[in-house]
C-alpha atoms as a PDB file:
ATOM      1  CA  MET A   1      68.507-167.417-109.038  1.00  0.00           C
ATOM      2  CA  PHE A   2      71.431-165.786-107.324  1.00  0.00           C
ATOM      3  CA  ILE A   3      75.200-165.575-107.509  1.00  0.00           C
ATOM      4  CA  TYR A   4      77.212-165.601-104.306  1.00  0.00           C
ATOM      5  CA  ARG A   5      79.407-162.498-104.184  1.00  0.00           C
ATOM      6  CA  ASN A   6      79.889-161.575-100.532  1.00  0.00           C
ATOM      7  CA  LYS A   7      79.027-162.427 -96.927  1.00  0.00           C
ATOM      8  CA  ALA A   8      75.879-160.256 -97.047  1.00  0.00           C
ATOM      9  CA  ALA A   9      74.474-162.708 -99.583  1.00  0.00           C
ATOM     10  CA  LEU A  10      74.937-165.508 -97.054  1.00  0.00           C
ATOM     11  CA  ARG A  11      72.811-163.680 -94.492  1.00  0.00           C
ATOM     12  CA  PHE A  12      70.210-163.066 -97.190  1.00  0.00           C
ATOM     13  CA  ILE A  13      69.923-166.708 -98.264  1.00  0.00           C
ATOM     14  CA  GLU A  14      69.348-167.790 -94.677  1.00  0.00           C
ATOM     15  CA  THR A  15      66.060-165.882 -94.790  1.00  0.00           C
ATOM     16  CA  LEU A  16      64.863-167.042 -98.237  1.00  0.00           C
ATOM     17  CA  GLU A  17      61.611-168.911 -98.292  1.00  0.00           C
ATOM     18  CA  ASN A  18      60.935-168.594-102.029  1.00  0.00           C
ATOM     19  CA  LYS A  19      62.235-171.067-104.602  1.00  0.00           C
ATOM     20  CA  ALA A  20      65.790-170.069-105.510  1.00  0.00           C
ATOM     21  CA  TYR A  21      68.766-171.608-107.301  1.00  0.00           C
ATOM     22  CA  TYR A  22      72.457-171.076-106.728  1.00  0.00           C
ATOM     23  CA  PHE A  23      74.150-170.042-109.984  1.00  0.00           C
ATOM     24  CA  GLY A  24      77.811-170.681-109.326  1.00  0.00           C
ATOM     25  CA  ASP A  25      80.866-171.487-111.343  1.00  0.00           C
ATOM     26  CA  PHE A  26      80.874-174.918-112.926  1.00  0.00           C
ATOM     27  CA  ASP A  27      84.199-175.782-111.399  1.00  0.00           C
ATOM     28  CA  LEU A  28      85.447-177.562-108.304  1.00  0.00           C
ATOM     29  CA  TYR A  29      85.717-174.327-106.281  1.00  0.00           C
ATOM     30  CA  GLY A  30      82.150-173.380-107.210  1.00  0.00           C
ATOM     31  CA  ILE A  31      80.933-176.728-105.918  1.00  0.00           C
ATOM     32  CA  LYS A  32      83.060-176.395-102.775  1.00  0.00           C
ATOM     33  CA  ILE A  33      81.617-172.919-102.087  1.00  0.00           C
ATOM     34  CA  TYR A  34      78.112-174.279-102.508  1.00  0.00           C
ATOM     35  CA  LEU A  35      78.735-177.227-100.177  1.00  0.00           C
ATOM     36  CA  GLN A  36      80.461-175.165 -97.480  1.00  0.00           C
ATOM     37  CA  GLU A  37      78.675-171.807 -97.667  1.00  0.00           C
ATOM     38  CA  ILE A  38      75.264-172.106 -99.345  1.00  0.00           C
ATOM     39  CA  GLU A  39      73.800-175.529 -98.607  1.00  0.00           C
ATOM     40  CA  PRO A  40      74.452-175.411 -94.831  1.00  0.00           C
ATOM     41  CA  ARG A  41      72.599-172.079 -94.603  1.00  0.00           C
ATOM     42  CA  ASN A  42      69.603-173.084 -96.711  1.00  0.00           C
ATOM     43  CA  SER A  43      69.335-176.686 -97.861  1.00  0.00           C
ATOM     44  CA  LYS A  44      66.306-175.817-100.029  1.00  0.00           C
ATOM     45  CA  ILE A  45      68.523-173.956-102.524  1.00  0.00           C
ATOM     46  CA  PRO A  46      69.803-176.338-105.213  1.00  0.00           C
ATOM     47  CA  PHE A  47      72.900-175.776-107.345  1.00  0.00           C
ATOM     48  CA  PHE A  48      71.682-174.807-110.838  1.00  0.00           C
ATOM     49  CA  ILE A  49      73.144-177.161-113.459  1.00  0.00           C
ATOM     50  CA  PRO A  50      72.111-176.704-117.112  1.00  0.00           C
ATOM     51  CA  LYS A  51      71.057-179.943-118.821  1.00  0.00           C
ATOM     52  CA  ASN A  52      73.739-179.559-121.501  1.00  0.00           C
ATOM     53  CA  ILE A  53      76.567-178.589-119.130  1.00  0.00           C
ATOM     54  CA  GLU A  54      78.842-181.368-120.381  1.00  0.00           C
ATOM     55  CA  TYR A  55      78.774-179.938-123.904  1.00  0.00           C
ATOM     56  CA  PHE A  56      79.707-176.466-122.644  1.00  0.00           C
ATOM     57  CA  ILE A  57      82.468-177.720-120.350  1.00  0.00           C
ATOM     58  CA  LYS A  58      83.926-179.942-123.067  1.00  0.00           C
ATOM     59  CA  LYS A  59      83.836-177.260-125.749  1.00  0.00           C
ATOM     60  CA  TYR A  60      84.506-174.045-123.789  1.00  0.00           C
ATOM     61  CA  GLY A  61      86.002-175.153-120.471  1.00  0.00           C
ATOM     62  CA  HIS A  62      89.423-174.133-119.178  1.00  0.00           C
ATOM     63  CA  GLU A  63      92.076-176.750-118.457  1.00  0.00           C
ATOM     64  CA  LYS A  64      94.331-174.394-116.465  1.00  0.00           C
ATOM     65  CA  LEU A  65      91.500-173.493-114.101  1.00  0.00           C
ATOM     66  CA  TYR A  66      90.786-177.172-113.508  1.00  0.00           C
ATOM     67  CA  GLN A  67      94.457-177.920-112.861  1.00  0.00           C
ATOM     68  CA  LYS A  68      94.765-174.975-110.468  1.00  0.00           C
ATOM     69  CA  GLN A  69      91.817-176.177-108.384  1.00  0.00           C
ATOM     70  CA  TYR A  70      92.297-179.923-108.577  1.00  0.00           C
ATOM     71  CA  GLU A  71      94.652-180.613-105.676  1.00  0.00           C
ATOM     72  CA  SER A  72      92.650-178.748-103.034  1.00  0.00           C
ATOM     73  CA  THR A  73      89.230-180.010-104.188  1.00  0.00           C
ATOM     74  CA  LYS A  74      89.806-183.468-105.665  1.00  0.00           C
ATOM     75  CA  ASN A  75      88.019-185.244-102.804  1.00  0.00           C
ATOM     76  CA  LEU A  76      84.671-183.439-102.963  1.00  0.00           C
ATOM     77  CA  ASN A  77      81.914-185.962-102.289  1.00  0.00           C
ATOM     78  CA  PRO A  78      78.442-184.386-102.166  1.00  0.00           C
ATOM     79  CA  ASP A  79      75.282-186.360-101.424  1.00  0.00           C
ATOM     80  CA  ASP A  80      73.438-184.709-104.330  1.00  0.00           C
ATOM     81  CA  HIS A  81      73.351-186.840-107.500  1.00  0.00           C
ATOM     82  CA  GLY A  82      73.434-183.791-109.802  1.00  0.00           C
ATOM     83  CA  LEU A  83      76.563-182.428-108.136  1.00  0.00           C
ATOM     84  CA  LYS A  84      78.227-185.852-108.237  1.00  0.00           C
ATOM     85  CA  ASN A  85      77.504-185.964-111.964  1.00  0.00           C
ATOM     86  CA  LEU A  86      78.896-182.441-112.452  1.00  0.00           C
ATOM     87  CA  ILE A  87      82.101-183.417-110.637  1.00  0.00           C
ATOM     88  CA  THR A  88      82.388-186.516-112.843  1.00  0.00           C
ATOM     89  CA  ILE A  89      82.020-184.348-115.973  1.00  0.00           C
ATOM     90  CA  ILE A  90      84.622-181.858-114.739  1.00  0.00           C
ATOM     91  CA  HIS A  91      87.124-184.649-113.975  1.00  0.00           C
ATOM     92  CA  LYS A  92      86.346-186.480-117.220  1.00  0.00           C
ATOM     93  CA  HIS A  93      87.207-183.464-119.375  1.00  0.00           C
ATOM     94  CA  GLN A  94      89.684-181.941-116.891  1.00  0.00           C
ATOM     95  CA  LYS A  95      88.078-178.559-117.559  1.00  0.00           C
ATOM     96  CA  SER A  96      86.105-175.960-115.613  1.00  0.00           C
ATOM     97  CA  LEU A  97      83.686-173.251-116.691  1.00  0.00           C
ATOM     98  CA  LYS A  98      82.848-169.928-115.040  1.00  0.00           C
ATOM     99  CA  GLN A  99      79.195-168.880-114.834  1.00  0.00           C
ATOM    100  CA  GLU A 100      80.019-165.643-116.674  1.00  0.00           C
ATOM    101  CA  PHE A 101      80.344-167.739-119.848  1.00  0.00           C
ATOM    102  CA  PHE A 102      76.536-167.933-120.034  1.00  0.00           C
ATOM    103  CA  ILE A 103      76.126-164.147-120.009  1.00  0.00           C
ATOM    104  CA  ASN A 104      77.557-163.976-123.534  1.00  0.00           C
ATOM    105  CA  LEU A 105      75.381-166.705-125.106  1.00  0.00           C
END
């Protein structure tokens, strides 16, 4: 599992052959980063989505973050069913959640 932090990470993921997951923010920007930066460089790396993500977004998500990101990312349309579902959840609750939330659980 890895978190994208800089361009060096992009070069690294291009070489990965092991099983890996992208652990990004559970917000529209996080999905956009994955679709534009991660997936094109290594399509074998899925976006990690916890099974109970809707509960966490509903209960602990941030409305202001969602509103800030909405206009520039409202038309995201990934092929991946899991990402489509995550986008639906984010729009349904109009909230976003940063991955750092899970560090404190």
